[in-house]
Amino acid sequence: MNPVQVSCPACAGPITFKIGSSLVAVCPYCRSVVARGDRKLEDLGKVAELVDTGSVLAVGLKGRYEGVPFELTGRAQLGHPAGGTWDEWYAAFADGRWGWLAEAHGRYYVTFRAAAESSRLPLFENLRLGQSITPLAGKPALAVAE
């Protein structure tokens, strides 16, 4: 988890990738999204300002999940067309995993990448409201809600 310091390709301000394996950071000076590639830095454009949601979570917050330490290293904010806004936090775990910590309906949800069996996944255009799907064998089914 060694930090990496670079100069922003858009404004030359200093950017710190706090976790050495992270690939994207937001410049604190010009709000450009900067990606680290194998040869050079790339400016992916500007990010929008985030809405204050009153979250108690913040980038840099440390915690434990099932005994494994983690640090929140990023934040994505999503908005629903009907008006709802929620936050999802990118978490770097001490065992090398990356996951998401989401806040919704007064609860917290931790998710990790998992390889789904492609034979178990219907095509997007075939999904229907209320349909139940089980993308991972031995795991609970999911329901299509919207």
Protein backbone atom coordinates (compact mmCIF):
# COMPACT_ATOMS: atom_id res chain seq x y z
CA MET A 1 0.00 0.00 0.00
CA ASN A 2 2.85 2.39 -0.77
CA PRO A 3 1.69 5.83 -1.97
CA VAL A 4 2.77 7.10 -5.40
CA GLN A 5 3.25 10.85 -6.06
CA VAL A 6 2.82 12.28 -9.59
CA SER A 7 2.12 15.62 -11.28
CA CYS A 8 -1.30 16.20 -12.80
CA PRO A 9 -1.10 16.21 -16.62
CA ALA A 10 -3.77 18.95 -16.73
CA CYS A 11 -2.49 21.48 -14.17
CA ALA A 12 0.86 20.07 -12.91
CA GLY A 13 -0.44 20.00 -9.32
CA PRO A 14 0.75 17.15 -7.09
CA ILE A 15 -1.46 14.05 -6.95
CA THR A 16 -0.97 11.21 -4.52
CA PHE A 17 -2.20 7.73 -5.33
CA LYS A 18 -2.51 6.71 -1.68
CA ILE A 19 -2.59 3.02 -2.50
CA GLY A 20 0.27 2.11 -4.84
CA SER A 21 -1.88 -0.31 -6.84
CA SER A 22 -4.69 2.21 -7.50
CA LEU A 23 -5.04 3.26 -11.12
CA VAL A 24 -7.19 6.42 -10.93
CA ALA A 25 -7.14 9.55 -8.75
CA VAL A 26 -8.84 12.94 -8.81
CA CYS A 27 -6.59 16.00 -8.85
CA PRO A 28 -7.43 18.08 -5.76
CA TYR A 29 -6.54 21.30 -7.66
CA CYS A 30 -8.32 21.07 -11.03
CA ARG A 31 -10.70 18.08 -10.41
CA SER A 32 -9.33 16.13 -13.39
CA VAL A 33 -9.58 12.36 -13.27
CA VAL A 34 -6.03 11.07 -13.79
CA ALA A 35 -5.34 7.47 -14.81
CA ARG A 36 -2.01 5.70 -14.43
CA GLY A 37 -1.14 3.54 -17.39
CA ASP A 38 1.90 1.41 -18.02
CA ARG A 39 3.59 4.22 -19.99
CA LYS A 40 2.13 7.59 -18.99
CA LEU A 41 -0.51 9.51 -17.06
CA GLU A 42 -3.77 10.26 -18.83
CA ASP A 43 -6.26 13.07 -18.17
CA LEU A 44 -9.73 11.52 -18.42
CA GLY A 45 -11.63 14.80 -17.91
CA LYS A 46 -13.23 16.65 -15.03
CA VAL A 47 -15.46 15.22 -12.33
CA ALA A 48 -18.62 16.88 -11.10
CA GLU A 49 -18.93 18.29 -7.60
CA LEU A 50 -20.47 15.84 -5.16
CA VAL A 51 -23.74 16.52 -3.34
CA ASP A 52 -23.42 16.64 0.45
CA THR A 53 -25.33 13.59 1.66
CA GLY A 54 -24.38 13.87 5.33
CA SER A 55 -22.47 10.61 5.20
CA VAL A 56 -20.32 9.70 8.19
CA LEU A 57 -17.91 7.96 5.80
CA ALA A 58 -15.00 9.76 4.13
CA VAL A 59 -11.98 9.02 1.95
CA GLY A 60 -9.15 8.03 4.28
CA LEU A 61 -11.43 6.40 6.88
CA LYS A 62 -10.04 3.08 8.12
CA GLY A 63 -11.99 0.13 9.44
CA ARG A 64 -12.27 -3.65 9.54
CA TYR A 65 -14.60 -6.03 7.78
CA GLU A 66 -14.67 -9.65 8.98
CA GLY A 67 -11.36 -8.94 10.75
CA VAL A 68 -9.57 -7.59 7.66
CA PRO A 69 -8.39 -3.95 7.82
CA PHE A 70 -9.42 -1.61 4.99
CA GLU A 71 -9.12 2.04 3.99
CA LEU A 72 -11.66 4.02 1.97
CA THR A 73 -9.73 5.36 -1.02
CA GLY A 74 -12.44 6.73 -3.31
CA ARG A 75 -16.06 7.70 -3.61
CA ALA A 76 -18.67 7.40 -6.33
CA GLN A 77 -21.94 9.23 -6.03
CA LEU A 78 -24.93 7.96 -7.95
CA GLY A 79 -28.20 9.70 -8.66
CA HIS A 80 -31.49 8.07 -9.53
CA PRO A 81 -33.74 9.74 -12.13
CA ALA A 82 -36.50 9.84 -9.49
CA GLY A 83 -34.30 12.03 -7.29
CA GLY A 84 -32.47 9.76 -4.86
CA THR A 85 -28.72 10.12 -4.30
CA TRP A 86 -26.43 7.60 -2.67
CA ASP A 87 -22.72 7.08 -2.08
CA GLU A 88 -20.50 4.11 -2.72
CA TRP A 89 -16.97 4.06 -1.28
CA TYR A 90 -14.03 2.23 -2.83
CA ALA A 91 -12.17 0.25 -0.19
CA ALA A 92 -8.61 -1.14 -0.30
CA PHE A 93 -8.31 -4.21 1.93
CA ALA A 94 -5.06 -5.26 3.63
CA ASP A 95 -5.34 -8.74 2.06
CA GLY A 96 -5.10 -7.23 -1.45
CA ARG A 97 -8.81 -7.23 -2.29
CA TRP A 98 -10.74 -4.18 -3.46
CA GLY A 99 -14.39 -3.75 -2.57
CA TRP A 100 -17.24 -1.29 -2.36
CA LEU A 101 -18.93 -0.02 0.80
CA ALA A 102 -22.39 1.35 0.02
CA GLU A 103 -24.88 3.23 2.15
CA ALA A 104 -28.57 2.69 1.46
CA HIS A 105 -31.76 2.68 3.52
CA GLY A 106 -29.82 3.28 6.76
CA ARG A 107 -27.62 0.21 6.25
CA TYR A 108 -24.12 -0.48 4.96
CA TYR A 109 -23.36 -3.05 2.25
CA VAL A 110 -19.93 -4.47 1.37
CA THR A 111 -19.50 -6.03 -2.05
CA PHE A 112 -16.58 -7.64 -3.86
CA ARG A 113 -15.98 -8.63 -7.45
CA ALA A 114 -16.98 -12.22 -8.14
CA ALA A 115 -16.80 -14.20 -11.34
CA ALA A 116 -20.32 -15.02 -12.45
CA GLU A 117 -21.05 -18.07 -14.54
CA SER A 118 -21.94 -16.59 -17.94
CA SER A 119 -24.36 -19.46 -18.58
CA ARG A 120 -26.37 -18.27 -15.55
CA LEU A 121 -26.76 -14.66 -16.73
CA PRO A 122 -29.64 -13.66 -19.01
CA LEU A 123 -29.03 -11.02 -21.66
CA PHE A 124 -29.78 -7.51 -20.37
CA GLU A 125 -32.60 -7.01 -22.89
CA ASN A 126 -34.27 -10.21 -21.62
CA LEU A 127 -34.49 -9.05 -17.98
CA ARG A 128 -38.00 -8.40 -16.67
CA LEU A 129 -39.27 -6.69 -13.51
CA GLY A 130 -39.71 -9.18 -10.70
CA GLN A 131 -37.57 -11.78 -12.42
CA SER A 132 -35.29 -13.83 -10.14
CA ILE A 133 -31.73 -14.60 -11.28
CA THR A 134 -28.90 -16.49 -9.59
CA PRO A 135 -25.61 -15.37 -11.17
CA LEU A 136 -23.45 -17.22 -8.61
CA ALA A 137 -24.01 -20.88 -7.82
CA GLY A 138 -24.74 -21.45 -4.15
CA LYS A 139 -25.49 -17.76 -3.48
CA PRO A 140 -28.89 -16.11 -2.92
CA ALA A 141 -30.96 -15.16 -5.94
CA LEU A 142 -31.31 -11.53 -7.00
CA ALA A 143 -34.57 -9.91 -8.06
CA VAL A 144 -34.85 -7.41 -10.90
CA ALA A 145 -36.32 -4.32 -9.23
CA GLU A 146 -35.93 -1.63 -11.88
